[in-house]
Amino acid sequence: MSTFAKRERLLLADLLEAEGPEAPTLCEGWTTRDLAAHVVVRERRPDAAGGILIKPLAARLERVMAEFTDKPYEELIHLIRTGPPRFSPFSLKQVEEMSSTVEFYVHTEDVRRARPDWTPRELDPVFQDALWSRLERTARLMGRGTPTGLVLRRPDGQTAVAQRGTPVVTATGQPSELLLFLYGRQNAADVELEGEKAAITKLHESKQLGL
């Protein structure tokens, strides 16, 4: 496993363990138990995990999710902490790095920022650069369907276009915060929005952000 993916995986597992199975998350309708089951199903049941994106598989995903949600919470935490089985594509270092670093970062913040007393994490510049690299590659995919044009901007001025169109809203923040915003956590992300007031309101309330 990559350094970043492993670090975020273990942090998520520790946080889920500390919070217990019934704590809230930023994922609407999900407790920490639901979130833990989702992470395990994603890595260990590719036959069902496709239902996250493919509608015909959604019913199968729902059944498998229910099965894993019923497992002992401690077992789910153990499966997250120990990582995917050898036959899983997520066990390959490059796949883990590309697909799971952001997944674990976002879900860690889903748990952290659901607390009323949460405080920002201090992330090192190398990790921020790694998140920005992934953001640049996925911005168009994640931003599709947004009701306005959307430009993402780092404090140093680097930009990525998430959605072309007018009016344009520019979201400025650290890569970690821009990722959360683009993944639909608008109300929890520390970003500054610039543009027409009506466009900002429409974007901030959009249900099209995220997958």
N, C-alpha and C. Protein backbone atom coordinates (compact mmCIF):
# COMPACT_ATOMS: atom_id res chain seq x y z
N MET A 1 0.84 -1.19 0.00
CA MET A 1 0.00 0.00 0.00
C MET A 1 0.88 1.25 0.00
N SER A 2 0.41 2.30 -0.61
CA SER A 2 1.17 3.54 -0.64
C SER A 2 1.18 4.19 0.73
N THR A 3 2.12 5.10 0.92
CA THR A 3 2.24 5.78 2.20
C THR A 3 0.97 6.54 2.53
N PHE A 4 0.49 7.36 1.61
CA PHE A 4 -0.69 8.17 1.88
C PHE A 4 -1.93 7.32 2.07
N ALA A 5 -2.14 6.36 1.19
CA ALA A 5 -3.33 5.52 1.31
C ALA A 5 -3.31 4.74 2.61
N LYS A 6 -2.17 4.20 2.98
CA LYS A 6 -2.07 3.43 4.22
C LYS A 6 -2.31 4.33 5.43
N ARG A 7 -1.71 5.51 5.40
CA ARG A 7 -1.90 6.44 6.53
C ARG A 7 -3.37 6.81 6.70
N GLU A 8 -4.03 7.14 5.60
CA GLU A 8 -5.43 7.54 5.69
C GLU A 8 -6.32 6.35 6.06
N ARG A 9 -5.97 5.17 5.57
CA ARG A 9 -6.72 3.97 5.93
C ARG A 9 -6.68 3.73 7.45
N LEU A 10 -5.48 3.77 8.01
CA LEU A 10 -5.34 3.51 9.43
C LEU A 10 -5.99 4.60 10.27
N LEU A 11 -5.89 5.84 9.80
CA LEU A 11 -6.53 6.94 10.51
C LEU A 11 -8.04 6.76 10.51
N LEU A 12 -8.60 6.37 9.37
CA LEU A 12 -10.04 6.13 9.28
C LEU A 12 -10.46 5.00 10.21
N ALA A 13 -9.70 3.90 10.20
CA ALA A 13 -10.04 2.76 11.06
C ALA A 13 -10.00 3.16 12.53
N ASP A 14 -8.97 3.90 12.92
CA ASP A 14 -8.86 4.33 14.32
C ASP A 14 -10.02 5.24 14.70
N LEU A 15 -10.38 6.13 13.80
CA LEU A 15 -11.45 7.09 14.08
C LEU A 15 -12.80 6.39 14.18
N LEU A 16 -13.06 5.46 13.26
CA LEU A 16 -14.31 4.69 13.32
C LEU A 16 -14.40 3.90 14.62
N GLU A 17 -13.28 3.31 15.02
CA GLU A 17 -13.25 2.54 16.26
C GLU A 17 -13.54 3.44 17.46
N ALA A 18 -12.92 4.62 17.48
CA ALA A 18 -13.09 5.53 18.61
C ALA A 18 -14.52 6.08 18.69
N GLU A 19 -15.13 6.32 17.54
CA GLU A 19 -16.46 6.93 17.53
C GLU A 19 -17.57 5.93 17.83
N GLY A 20 -17.32 4.65 17.56
CA GLY A 20 -18.38 3.66 17.77
C GLY A 20 -19.30 3.55 16.57
N PRO A 21 -20.19 2.57 16.56
CA PRO A 21 -20.98 2.25 15.36
C PRO A 21 -22.16 3.17 15.07
N GLU A 22 -22.57 3.99 16.00
CA GLU A 22 -23.78 4.79 15.80
C GLU A 22 -23.51 6.28 15.68
N ALA A 23 -22.28 6.68 15.48
CA ALA A 23 -21.95 8.10 15.36
C ALA A 23 -22.40 8.64 14.00
N PRO A 24 -22.72 9.92 13.92
CA PRO A 24 -23.13 10.50 12.63
C PRO A 24 -21.95 10.68 11.69
N THR A 25 -22.24 10.83 10.41
CA THR A 25 -21.24 11.14 9.40
C THR A 25 -21.82 12.21 8.48
N LEU A 26 -20.99 12.73 7.60
CA LEU A 26 -21.47 13.70 6.61
C LEU A 26 -22.20 13.02 5.46
N CYS A 27 -22.15 11.70 5.38
CA CYS A 27 -22.87 10.96 4.34
C CYS A 27 -24.34 10.86 4.78
N GLU A 28 -25.19 11.51 4.05
CA GLU A 28 -26.59 11.62 4.46
C GLU A 28 -27.21 10.24 4.72
N GLY A 29 -27.75 10.06 5.91
CA GLY A 29 -28.43 8.82 6.27
C GLY A 29 -27.51 7.72 6.76
N TRP A 30 -26.21 7.97 6.77
CA TRP A 30 -25.25 6.94 7.18
C TRP A 30 -24.68 7.21 8.56
N THR A 31 -24.63 6.18 9.37
CA THR A 31 -23.86 6.21 10.61
C THR A 31 -22.46 5.69 10.31
N THR A 32 -21.62 5.68 11.33
CA THR A 32 -20.28 5.14 11.16
C THR A 32 -20.31 3.65 10.78
N ARG A 33 -21.31 2.93 11.24
CA ARG A 33 -21.43 1.52 10.85
C ARG A 33 -21.68 1.40 9.35
N ASP A 34 -22.58 2.22 8.83
CA ASP A 34 -22.87 2.20 7.39
C ASP A 34 -21.63 2.56 6.58
N LEU A 35 -20.91 3.56 7.05
CA LEU A 35 -19.71 3.99 6.33
C LEU A 35 -18.66 2.89 6.34
N ALA A 36 -18.49 2.24 7.48
CA ALA A 36 -17.52 1.14 7.57
C ALA A 36 -17.90 0.01 6.62
N ALA A 37 -19.18 -0.32 6.56
CA ALA A 37 -19.64 -1.38 5.66
C ALA A 37 -19.38 -1.00 4.21
N HIS A 38 -19.61 0.25 3.87
CA HIS A 38 -19.36 0.73 2.51
C HIS A 38 -17.90 0.54 2.11
N VAL A 39 -16.98 0.92 3.00
CA VAL A 39 -15.55 0.80 2.70
C VAL A 39 -15.17 -0.66 2.48
N VAL A 40 -15.69 -1.55 3.31
CA VAL A 40 -15.36 -2.97 3.19
C VAL A 40 -15.94 -3.56 1.90
N VAL A 41 -17.19 -3.24 1.60
CA VAL A 41 -17.83 -3.76 0.38
C VAL A 41 -17.08 -3.27 -0.86
N ARG A 42 -16.67 -2.02 -0.85
CA ARG A 42 -15.95 -1.45 -2.00
C ARG A 42 -14.69 -2.24 -2.31
N GLU A 43 -13.98 -2.69 -1.25
CA GLU A 43 -12.72 -3.38 -1.47
C GLU A 43 -12.87 -4.89 -1.63
N ARG A 44 -13.89 -5.47 -1.03
CA ARG A 44 -13.98 -6.93 -0.95
C ARG A 44 -15.10 -7.55 -1.76
N ARG A 45 -16.01 -6.73 -2.25
CA ARG A 45 -17.11 -7.26 -3.05
C ARG A 45 -17.28 -6.47 -4.34
N PRO A 46 -16.32 -6.61 -5.26
CA PRO A 46 -16.41 -5.87 -6.52
C PRO A 46 -17.64 -6.24 -7.33
N ASP A 47 -18.18 -7.44 -7.10
CA ASP A 47 -19.39 -7.86 -7.81
C ASP A 47 -20.59 -7.00 -7.42
N ALA A 48 -20.51 -6.38 -6.25
CA ALA A 48 -21.62 -5.53 -5.79
C ALA A 48 -21.25 -4.05 -5.80
N ALA A 49 -19.97 -3.75 -5.59
CA ALA A 49 -19.55 -2.36 -5.46
C ALA A 49 -19.83 -1.54 -6.71
N GLY A 50 -19.92 -2.21 -7.85
CA GLY A 50 -20.24 -1.50 -9.08
C GLY A 50 -21.57 -0.78 -9.02
N GLY A 51 -22.42 -1.19 -8.11
CA GLY A 51 -23.71 -0.55 -7.95
C GLY A 51 -23.63 0.88 -7.47
N ILE A 52 -22.46 1.30 -7.00
CA ILE A 52 -22.26 2.69 -6.61
C ILE A 52 -22.45 3.61 -7.81
N LEU A 53 -22.01 3.11 -8.98
CA LEU A 53 -22.08 3.92 -10.20
C LEU A 53 -23.04 3.37 -11.25
N ILE A 54 -23.29 2.06 -11.22
CA ILE A 54 -24.09 1.43 -12.28
C ILE A 54 -25.46 1.07 -11.72
N LYS A 55 -26.48 1.74 -12.20
CA LYS A 55 -27.83 1.58 -11.64
C LYS A 55 -28.35 0.15 -11.65
N PRO A 56 -28.15 -0.63 -12.73
CA PRO A 56 -28.67 -2.00 -12.72
C PRO A 56 -28.08 -2.87 -11.60
N LEU A 57 -26.94 -2.47 -11.04
CA LEU A 57 -26.33 -3.24 -9.96
C LEU A 57 -26.70 -2.69 -8.58
N ALA A 58 -27.51 -1.63 -8.55
CA ALA A 58 -27.80 -0.97 -7.28
C ALA A 58 -28.53 -1.89 -6.31
N ALA A 59 -29.45 -2.71 -6.80
CA ALA A 59 -30.20 -3.60 -5.91
C ALA A 59 -29.28 -4.63 -5.27
N ARG A 60 -28.34 -5.15 -6.06
CA ARG A 60 -27.37 -6.11 -5.51
C ARG A 60 -26.50 -5.43 -4.46
N LEU A 61 -26.07 -4.22 -4.75
CA LEU A 61 -25.26 -3.48 -3.80
C LEU A 61 -26.02 -3.28 -2.49
N GLU A 62 -27.29 -2.95 -2.60
CA GLU A 62 -28.10 -2.73 -1.39
C GLU A 62 -28.18 -3.99 -0.54
N ARG A 63 -28.34 -5.15 -1.20
CA ARG A 63 -28.41 -6.42 -0.46
C ARG A 63 -27.08 -6.73 0.23
N VAL A 64 -25.99 -6.55 -0.49
CA VAL A 64 -24.67 -6.85 0.08
C VAL A 64 -24.33 -5.86 1.19
N MET A 65 -24.69 -4.60 1.01
CA MET A 65 -24.47 -3.61 2.06
C MET A 65 -25.21 -3.99 3.34
N ALA A 66 -26.44 -4.46 3.18
CA ALA A 66 -27.22 -4.87 4.35
C ALA A 66 -26.54 -6.04 5.05
N GLU A 67 -26.00 -6.96 4.26
CA GLU A 67 -25.30 -8.12 4.82
C GLU A 67 -24.09 -7.69 5.64
N PHE A 68 -23.31 -6.76 5.10
CA PHE A 68 -22.10 -6.33 5.80
C PHE A 68 -22.43 -5.39 6.96
N THR A 69 -23.47 -4.62 6.84
CA THR A 69 -23.86 -3.74 7.94
C THR A 69 -24.25 -4.54 9.17
N ASP A 70 -24.76 -5.75 8.94
CA ASP A 70 -25.16 -6.61 10.06
C ASP A 70 -24.00 -7.31 10.74
N LYS A 71 -22.80 -7.25 10.13
CA LYS A 71 -21.64 -7.89 10.75
C LYS A 71 -21.23 -7.14 12.01
N PRO A 72 -20.54 -7.81 12.93
CA PRO A 72 -20.03 -7.11 14.11
C PRO A 72 -19.17 -5.92 13.70
N TYR A 73 -19.39 -4.82 14.36
CA TYR A 73 -18.67 -3.58 14.02
C TYR A 73 -17.16 -3.78 14.13
N GLU A 74 -16.73 -4.52 15.13
CA GLU A 74 -15.29 -4.76 15.32
C GLU A 74 -14.70 -5.51 14.13
N GLU A 75 -15.49 -6.39 13.53
CA GLU A 75 -15.01 -7.11 12.35
C GLU A 75 -14.83 -6.17 11.17
N LEU A 76 -15.75 -5.26 10.99
CA LEU A 76 -15.64 -4.28 9.90
C LEU A 76 -14.38 -3.43 10.08
N ILE A 77 -14.13 -2.99 11.30
CA ILE A 77 -12.93 -2.18 11.56
C ILE A 77 -11.67 -2.99 11.26
N HIS A 78 -11.66 -4.25 11.65
CA HIS A 78 -10.50 -5.11 11.39
C HIS A 78 -10.28 -5.26 9.88
N LEU A 79 -11.34 -5.44 9.12
CA LEU A 79 -11.21 -5.61 7.68
C LEU A 79 -10.70 -4.33 7.01
N ILE A 80 -11.12 -3.19 7.50
CA ILE A 80 -10.60 -1.93 6.97
C ILE A 80 -9.12 -1.79 7.29
N ARG A 81 -8.78 -2.05 8.53
CA ARG A 81 -7.40 -1.85 8.98
C ARG A 81 -6.42 -2.78 8.27
N THR A 82 -6.82 -4.01 8.03
CA THR A 82 -5.91 -4.99 7.42
C THR A 82 -5.84 -4.86 5.90
N GLY A 83 -6.78 -4.16 5.30
CA GLY A 83 -6.70 -3.91 3.87
C GLY A 83 -7.35 -4.96 3.01
N PRO A 84 -7.35 -4.76 1.71
CA PRO A 84 -8.04 -5.66 0.79
C PRO A 84 -7.35 -7.02 0.67
N PRO A 85 -8.10 -8.05 0.30
CA PRO A 85 -7.49 -9.37 0.08
C PRO A 85 -6.62 -9.37 -1.16
N ARG A 86 -5.80 -10.37 -1.29
CA ARG A 86 -4.84 -10.41 -2.40
C ARG A 86 -5.50 -10.40 -3.77
N PHE A 87 -6.68 -11.00 -3.88
CA PHE A 87 -7.33 -11.08 -5.19
C PHE A 87 -7.97 -9.76 -5.59
N SER A 88 -8.06 -8.82 -4.68
CA SER A 88 -8.70 -7.53 -4.98
C SER A 88 -7.75 -6.64 -5.77
N PRO A 89 -8.25 -5.92 -6.79
CA PRO A 89 -7.39 -4.97 -7.50
C PRO A 89 -6.84 -3.89 -6.58
N PHE A 90 -7.55 -3.63 -5.47
CA PHE A 90 -7.08 -2.61 -4.54
C PHE A 90 -5.82 -3.05 -3.78
N SER A 91 -5.45 -4.32 -3.88
CA SER A 91 -4.23 -4.78 -3.22
C SER A 91 -2.98 -4.39 -4.01
N LEU A 92 -3.16 -3.97 -5.26
CA LEU A 92 -2.04 -3.51 -6.08
C LEU A 92 -1.66 -2.09 -5.67
N LYS A 93 -0.39 -1.85 -5.45
CA LYS A 93 0.05 -0.57 -4.91
C LYS A 93 -0.40 0.62 -5.74
N GLN A 94 -0.26 0.51 -7.07
CA GLN A 94 -0.63 1.64 -7.92
C GLN A 94 -2.13 1.89 -7.87
N VAL A 95 -2.92 0.83 -7.86
CA VAL A 95 -4.37 0.99 -7.79
C VAL A 95 -4.76 1.60 -6.44
N GLU A 96 -4.14 1.09 -5.39
CA GLU A 96 -4.41 1.61 -4.04
C GLU A 96 -4.11 3.11 -3.97
N GLU A 97 -2.96 3.48 -4.51
CA GLU A 97 -2.57 4.88 -4.48
C GLU A 97 -3.54 5.76 -5.25
N MET A 98 -3.90 5.33 -6.44
CA MET A 98 -4.74 6.15 -7.31
C MET A 98 -6.18 6.22 -6.85
N SER A 99 -6.69 5.14 -6.31
CA SER A 99 -8.13 5.08 -6.04
C SER A 99 -8.53 5.22 -4.59
N SER A 100 -7.62 4.97 -3.68
CA SER A 100 -8.03 4.90 -2.27
C SER A 100 -7.53 6.04 -1.40
N THR A 101 -6.50 6.75 -1.82
CA THR A 101 -6.02 7.86 -0.99
C THR A 101 -7.13 8.88 -0.78
N VAL A 102 -7.76 9.30 -1.86
CA VAL A 102 -8.84 10.28 -1.75
C VAL A 102 -10.05 9.68 -1.05
N GLU A 103 -10.37 8.43 -1.36
CA GLU A 103 -11.51 7.75 -0.73
C GLU A 103 -11.38 7.78 0.80
N PHE A 104 -10.22 7.39 1.30
CA PHE A 104 -10.03 7.34 2.74
C PHE A 104 -9.95 8.74 3.35
N TYR A 105 -9.32 9.66 2.64
CA TYR A 105 -9.26 11.04 3.16
C TYR A 105 -10.67 11.61 3.32
N VAL A 106 -11.47 11.50 2.27
CA VAL A 106 -12.82 12.06 2.31
C VAL A 106 -13.66 11.41 3.41
N HIS A 107 -13.58 10.09 3.52
CA HIS A 107 -14.41 9.42 4.53
C HIS A 107 -13.91 9.68 5.96
N THR A 108 -12.61 9.88 6.10
CA THR A 108 -12.11 10.28 7.41
C THR A 108 -12.72 11.62 7.82
N GLU A 109 -12.75 12.55 6.86
CA GLU A 109 -13.35 13.85 7.15
C GLU A 109 -14.86 13.75 7.32
N ASP A 110 -15.49 12.78 6.66
CA ASP A 110 -16.93 12.56 6.86
C ASP A 110 -17.24 12.27 8.33
N VAL A 111 -16.33 11.55 8.97
CA VAL A 111 -16.52 11.23 10.39
C VAL A 111 -16.09 12.40 11.26
N ARG A 112 -14.91 12.94 10.98
CA ARG A 112 -14.38 14.03 11.81
C ARG A 112 -15.31 15.24 11.82
N ARG A 113 -15.77 15.63 10.63
CA ARG A 113 -16.50 16.90 10.51
C ARG A 113 -17.99 16.77 10.84
N ALA A 114 -18.41 15.57 11.15
CA ALA A 114 -19.78 15.40 11.65
C ALA A 114 -19.86 15.74 13.12
N ARG A 115 -18.71 15.86 13.78
CA ARG A 115 -18.68 16.26 15.19
C ARG A 115 -18.94 17.76 15.29
N PRO A 116 -19.64 18.21 16.31
CA PRO A 116 -19.88 19.64 16.46
C PRO A 116 -18.62 20.42 16.82
N ASP A 117 -17.62 19.75 17.37
CA ASP A 117 -16.41 20.44 17.84
C ASP A 117 -15.18 20.13 16.99
N TRP A 118 -15.38 19.78 15.70
CA TRP A 118 -14.24 19.39 14.89
C TRP A 118 -13.33 20.58 14.62
N THR A 119 -12.07 20.29 14.40
CA THR A 119 -11.09 21.31 14.05
C THR A 119 -10.33 20.83 12.81
N PRO A 120 -9.82 21.75 11.99
CA PRO A 120 -9.12 21.36 10.76
C PRO A 120 -7.87 20.55 11.06
N ARG A 121 -7.56 19.62 10.18
CA ARG A 121 -6.30 18.88 10.25
C ARG A 121 -5.20 19.68 9.58
N GLU A 122 -4.00 19.57 10.12
CA GLU A 122 -2.84 20.17 9.47
C GLU A 122 -2.24 19.14 8.52
N LEU A 123 -2.37 19.37 7.23
CA LEU A 123 -1.87 18.42 6.23
C LEU A 123 -0.58 18.95 5.63
N ASP A 124 0.40 18.06 5.47
CA ASP A 124 1.69 18.49 4.95
C ASP A 124 1.59 18.85 3.48
N PRO A 125 2.47 19.73 2.98
CA PRO A 125 2.42 20.19 1.59
C PRO A 125 2.53 19.07 0.57
N VAL A 126 3.28 18.03 0.87
CA VAL A 126 3.43 16.92 -0.08
C VAL A 126 2.09 16.21 -0.27
N PHE A 127 1.37 16.02 0.81
CA PHE A 127 0.06 15.39 0.71
C PHE A 127 -0.92 16.30 -0.03
N GLN A 128 -0.85 17.60 0.25
CA GLN A 128 -1.72 18.53 -0.47
C GLN A 128 -1.43 18.48 -1.98
N ASP A 129 -0.17 18.38 -2.35
CA ASP A 129 0.18 18.28 -3.77
C ASP A 129 -0.36 16.99 -4.38
N ALA A 130 -0.29 15.91 -3.61
CA ALA A 130 -0.80 14.63 -4.10
C ALA A 130 -2.31 14.71 -4.31
N LEU A 131 -3.02 15.35 -3.40
CA LEU A 131 -4.47 15.52 -3.55
C LEU A 131 -4.78 16.41 -4.74
N TRP A 132 -3.98 17.45 -4.94
CA TRP A 132 -4.21 18.33 -6.09
C TRP A 132 -4.02 17.58 -7.40
N SER A 133 -3.01 16.73 -7.46
CA SER A 133 -2.78 15.94 -8.67
C SER A 133 -4.00 15.09 -9.01
N ARG A 134 -4.60 14.47 -8.00
CA ARG A 134 -5.80 13.66 -8.24
C ARG A 134 -6.98 14.53 -8.60
N LEU A 135 -7.05 15.70 -7.99
CA LEU A 135 -8.14 16.63 -8.27
C LEU A 135 -8.09 17.10 -9.72
N GLU A 136 -6.90 17.39 -10.21
CA GLU A 136 -6.75 17.83 -11.60
C GLU A 136 -7.26 16.76 -12.56
N ARG A 137 -7.00 15.50 -12.24
CA ARG A 137 -7.39 14.42 -13.15
C ARG A 137 -8.88 14.11 -13.11
N THR A 138 -9.53 14.40 -11.98
CA THR A 138 -10.93 14.00 -11.83
C THR A 138 -11.91 15.18 -11.80
N ALA A 139 -11.40 16.40 -11.89
CA ALA A 139 -12.26 17.57 -11.73
C ALA A 139 -13.42 17.58 -12.73
N ARG A 140 -13.14 17.28 -13.98
CA ARG A 140 -14.20 17.31 -15.01
C ARG A 140 -15.26 16.26 -14.73
N LEU A 141 -14.84 15.07 -14.30
CA LEU A 141 -15.78 14.01 -13.98
C LEU A 141 -16.65 14.40 -12.79
N MET A 142 -16.01 14.87 -11.73
CA MET A 142 -16.74 15.21 -10.53
C MET A 142 -17.62 16.44 -10.70
N GLY A 143 -17.20 17.34 -11.58
CA GLY A 143 -17.95 18.59 -11.76
C GLY A 143 -19.04 18.52 -12.81
N ARG A 144 -19.18 17.39 -13.48
CA ARG A 144 -20.18 17.31 -14.54
C ARG A 144 -21.59 17.48 -13.94
N GLY A 145 -22.42 18.17 -14.67
CA GLY A 145 -23.78 18.36 -14.21
C GLY A 145 -23.97 19.49 -13.23
N THR A 146 -22.88 20.20 -12.84
CA THR A 146 -23.07 21.32 -11.94
C THR A 146 -23.81 22.43 -12.67
N PRO A 147 -24.61 23.23 -11.94
CA PRO A 147 -25.49 24.21 -12.59
C PRO A 147 -24.79 25.48 -13.04
N THR A 148 -23.50 25.62 -12.76
CA THR A 148 -22.74 26.79 -13.19
C THR A 148 -21.37 26.34 -13.67
N GLY A 149 -20.65 27.25 -14.32
CA GLY A 149 -19.24 26.98 -14.56
C GLY A 149 -18.52 26.93 -13.22
N LEU A 150 -17.47 26.13 -13.14
CA LEU A 150 -16.78 25.98 -11.86
C LEU A 150 -15.28 25.85 -12.09
N VAL A 151 -14.53 26.77 -11.49
CA VAL A 151 -13.07 26.74 -11.53
C VAL A 151 -12.55 26.53 -10.12
N LEU A 152 -11.62 25.63 -9.97
CA LEU A 152 -11.00 25.35 -8.67
C LEU A 152 -9.65 26.03 -8.63
N ARG A 153 -9.36 26.72 -7.55
CA ARG A 153 -8.10 27.47 -7.47
C ARG A 153 -7.42 27.26 -6.12
N ARG A 154 -6.13 26.92 -6.19
CA ARG A 154 -5.32 26.82 -4.98
C ARG A 154 -4.91 28.22 -4.53
N PRO A 155 -4.52 28.38 -3.27
CA PRO A 155 -4.05 29.69 -2.80
C PRO A 155 -2.85 30.21 -3.60
N ASP A 156 -2.04 29.31 -4.19
CA ASP A 156 -0.88 29.76 -4.97
C ASP A 156 -1.24 30.14 -6.39
N GLY A 157 -2.53 30.04 -6.76
CA GLY A 157 -2.98 30.48 -8.08
C GLY A 157 -3.19 29.37 -9.09
N GLN A 158 -2.74 28.15 -8.83
CA GLN A 158 -2.98 27.05 -9.76
C GLN A 158 -4.48 26.79 -9.87
N THR A 159 -4.93 26.49 -11.08
CA THR A 159 -6.36 26.28 -11.28
C THR A 159 -6.64 24.99 -12.03
N ALA A 160 -7.86 24.51 -11.88
CA ALA A 160 -8.37 23.37 -12.63
C ALA A 160 -9.84 23.66 -12.93
N VAL A 161 -10.25 23.35 -14.14
CA VAL A 161 -11.63 23.60 -14.55
C VAL A 161 -12.46 22.35 -14.28
N ALA A 162 -13.49 22.49 -13.45
CA ALA A 162 -14.37 21.37 -13.15
C ALA A 162 -15.59 21.35 -14.06
N GLN A 163 -16.02 22.53 -14.50
CA GLN A 163 -17.18 22.62 -15.39
C GLN A 163 -17.08 23.91 -16.19
N ARG A 164 -17.15 23.79 -17.51
CA ARG A 164 -17.18 24.97 -18.36
C ARG A 164 -18.60 25.52 -18.40
N GLY A 165 -18.71 26.81 -18.62
CA GLY A 165 -20.03 27.42 -18.73
C GLY A 165 -20.08 28.74 -18.01
N THR A 166 -21.19 29.43 -18.17
CA THR A 166 -21.41 30.71 -17.51
C THR A 166 -22.76 30.69 -16.82
N PRO A 167 -22.91 31.44 -15.73
CA PRO A 167 -21.87 32.20 -15.04
C PRO A 167 -20.85 31.28 -14.39
N VAL A 168 -19.67 31.81 -14.13
CA VAL A 168 -18.59 31.02 -13.55
C VAL A 168 -18.42 31.33 -12.07
N VAL A 169 -18.28 30.30 -11.28
CA VAL A 169 -17.94 30.44 -9.87
C VAL A 169 -16.53 29.89 -9.68
N THR A 170 -15.71 30.64 -8.96
CA THR A 170 -14.36 30.18 -8.64
C THR A 170 -14.32 29.80 -7.17
N ALA A 171 -13.91 28.56 -6.90
CA ALA A 171 -13.77 28.07 -5.52
C ALA A 171 -12.30 28.05 -5.18
N THR A 172 -11.91 28.77 -4.14
CA THR A 172 -10.51 28.87 -3.74
C THR A 172 -10.31 28.21 -2.38
N GLY A 173 -9.29 27.38 -2.29
CA GLY A 173 -8.99 26.72 -1.03
C GLY A 173 -7.84 25.74 -1.21
N GLN A 174 -7.43 25.14 -0.13
CA GLN A 174 -6.42 24.09 -0.21
C GLN A 174 -6.98 22.90 -0.98
N PRO A 175 -6.13 22.12 -1.65
CA PRO A 175 -6.62 20.96 -2.41
C PRO A 175 -7.51 20.04 -1.58
N SER A 176 -7.17 19.82 -0.33
CA SER A 176 -7.97 18.96 0.54
C SER A 176 -9.38 19.49 0.69
N GLU A 177 -9.52 20.81 0.82
CA GLU A 177 -10.84 21.42 0.99
C GLU A 177 -11.61 21.45 -0.34
N LEU A 178 -10.90 21.69 -1.42
CA LEU A 178 -11.54 21.68 -2.74
C LEU A 178 -12.08 20.29 -3.07
N LEU A 179 -11.34 19.25 -2.68
CA LEU A 179 -11.81 17.89 -2.88
C LEU A 179 -13.11 17.64 -2.14
N LEU A 180 -13.16 18.05 -0.89
CA LEU A 180 -14.39 17.86 -0.12
C LEU A 180 -15.54 18.61 -0.75
N PHE A 181 -15.29 19.82 -1.21
CA PHE A 181 -16.33 20.60 -1.87
C PHE A 181 -16.83 19.88 -3.12
N LEU A 182 -15.90 19.40 -3.93
CA LEU A 182 -16.27 18.76 -5.18
C LEU A 182 -16.94 17.41 -4.95
N TYR A 183 -16.67 16.80 -3.82
CA TYR A 183 -17.30 15.53 -3.47
C TYR A 183 -18.63 15.73 -2.75
N GLY A 184 -19.16 16.93 -2.81
CA GLY A 184 -20.50 17.17 -2.29
C GLY A 184 -20.58 17.55 -0.83
N ARG A 185 -19.43 17.84 -0.21
CA ARG A 185 -19.43 18.25 1.21
C ARG A 185 -19.34 19.76 1.30
N GLN A 186 -20.20 20.46 0.55
CA GLN A 186 -20.11 21.92 0.46
C GLN A 186 -20.19 22.61 1.80
N ASN A 187 -21.05 22.12 2.67
CA ASN A 187 -21.28 22.80 3.94
C ASN A 187 -20.15 22.59 4.95
N ALA A 188 -19.25 21.66 4.67
CA ALA A 188 -18.17 21.37 5.60
C ALA A 188 -16.80 21.77 5.07
N ALA A 189 -16.74 22.16 3.80
CA ALA A 189 -15.45 22.47 3.18
C ALA A 189 -15.09 23.94 3.37
N ASP A 190 -13.84 24.19 3.68
CA ASP A 190 -13.34 25.54 3.89
C ASP A 190 -12.86 26.12 2.57
N VAL A 191 -13.80 26.61 1.76
CA VAL A 191 -13.48 27.22 0.47
C VAL A 191 -14.16 28.58 0.38
N GLU A 192 -13.55 29.45 -0.41
CA GLU A 192 -14.12 30.77 -0.67
C GLU A 192 -14.68 30.78 -2.08
N LEU A 193 -15.93 31.16 -2.24
CA LEU A 193 -16.58 31.17 -3.54
C LEU A 193 -16.69 32.59 -4.06
N GLU A 194 -16.28 32.78 -5.32
CA GLU A 194 -16.35 34.08 -5.96
C GLU A 194 -17.17 33.97 -7.23
N GLY A 195 -18.05 34.94 -7.45
CA GLY A 195 -18.89 34.95 -8.64
C GLY A 195 -20.19 35.65 -8.34
N GLU A 196 -21.15 35.53 -9.26
CA GLU A 196 -22.45 36.15 -9.05
C GLU A 196 -23.14 35.49 -7.86
N LYS A 197 -23.82 36.30 -7.06
CA LYS A 197 -24.44 35.80 -5.84
C LYS A 197 -25.42 34.67 -6.12
N ALA A 198 -26.24 34.82 -7.14
CA ALA A 198 -27.23 33.78 -7.46
C ALA A 198 -26.55 32.49 -7.90
N ALA A 199 -25.44 32.62 -8.63
CA ALA A 199 -24.71 31.44 -9.09
C ALA A 199 -24.06 30.71 -7.92
N ILE A 200 -23.52 31.48 -6.98
CA ILE A 200 -22.90 30.88 -5.80
C ILE A 200 -23.93 30.11 -4.99
N THR A 201 -25.10 30.71 -4.80
CA THR A 201 -26.17 30.05 -4.05
C THR A 201 -26.58 28.75 -4.74
N LYS A 202 -26.74 28.83 -6.05
CA LYS A 202 -27.15 27.64 -6.83
C LYS A 202 -26.11 26.53 -6.73
N LEU A 203 -24.84 26.90 -6.83
CA LEU A 203 -23.77 25.90 -6.76
C LEU A 203 -23.66 25.33 -5.35
N HIS A 204 -23.74 26.18 -4.36
CA HIS A 204 -23.57 25.73 -2.99
C HIS A 204 -24.67 24.75 -2.58
N GLU A 205 -25.85 24.90 -3.16
CA GLU A 205 -26.96 24.03 -2.82
C GLU A 205 -27.11 22.85 -3.78
N SER A 206 -26.21 22.77 -4.75
CA SER A 206 -26.35 21.76 -5.79
C SER A 206 -26.23 20.35 -5.25
N LYS A 207 -27.09 19.47 -5.74
CA LYS A 207 -27.01 18.04 -5.41
C LYS A 207 -26.23 17.28 -6.48
N GLN A 208 -25.70 18.02 -7.48
CA GLN A 208 -24.98 17.37 -8.56
C GLN A 208 -23.51 17.13 -8.24
N LEU A 209 -23.01 17.83 -7.22
CA LEU A 209 -21.61 17.64 -6.85
C LEU A 209 -21.42 16.28 -6.19
N GLY A 210 -20.31 15.67 -6.49
CA GLY A 210 -20.00 14.37 -5.86
C GLY A 210 -20.54 13.22 -6.64
N LEU A 211 -20.07 12.00 -6.25
CA LEU A 211 -20.52 10.77 -6.90
C LEU A 211 -21.25 9.90 -5.91
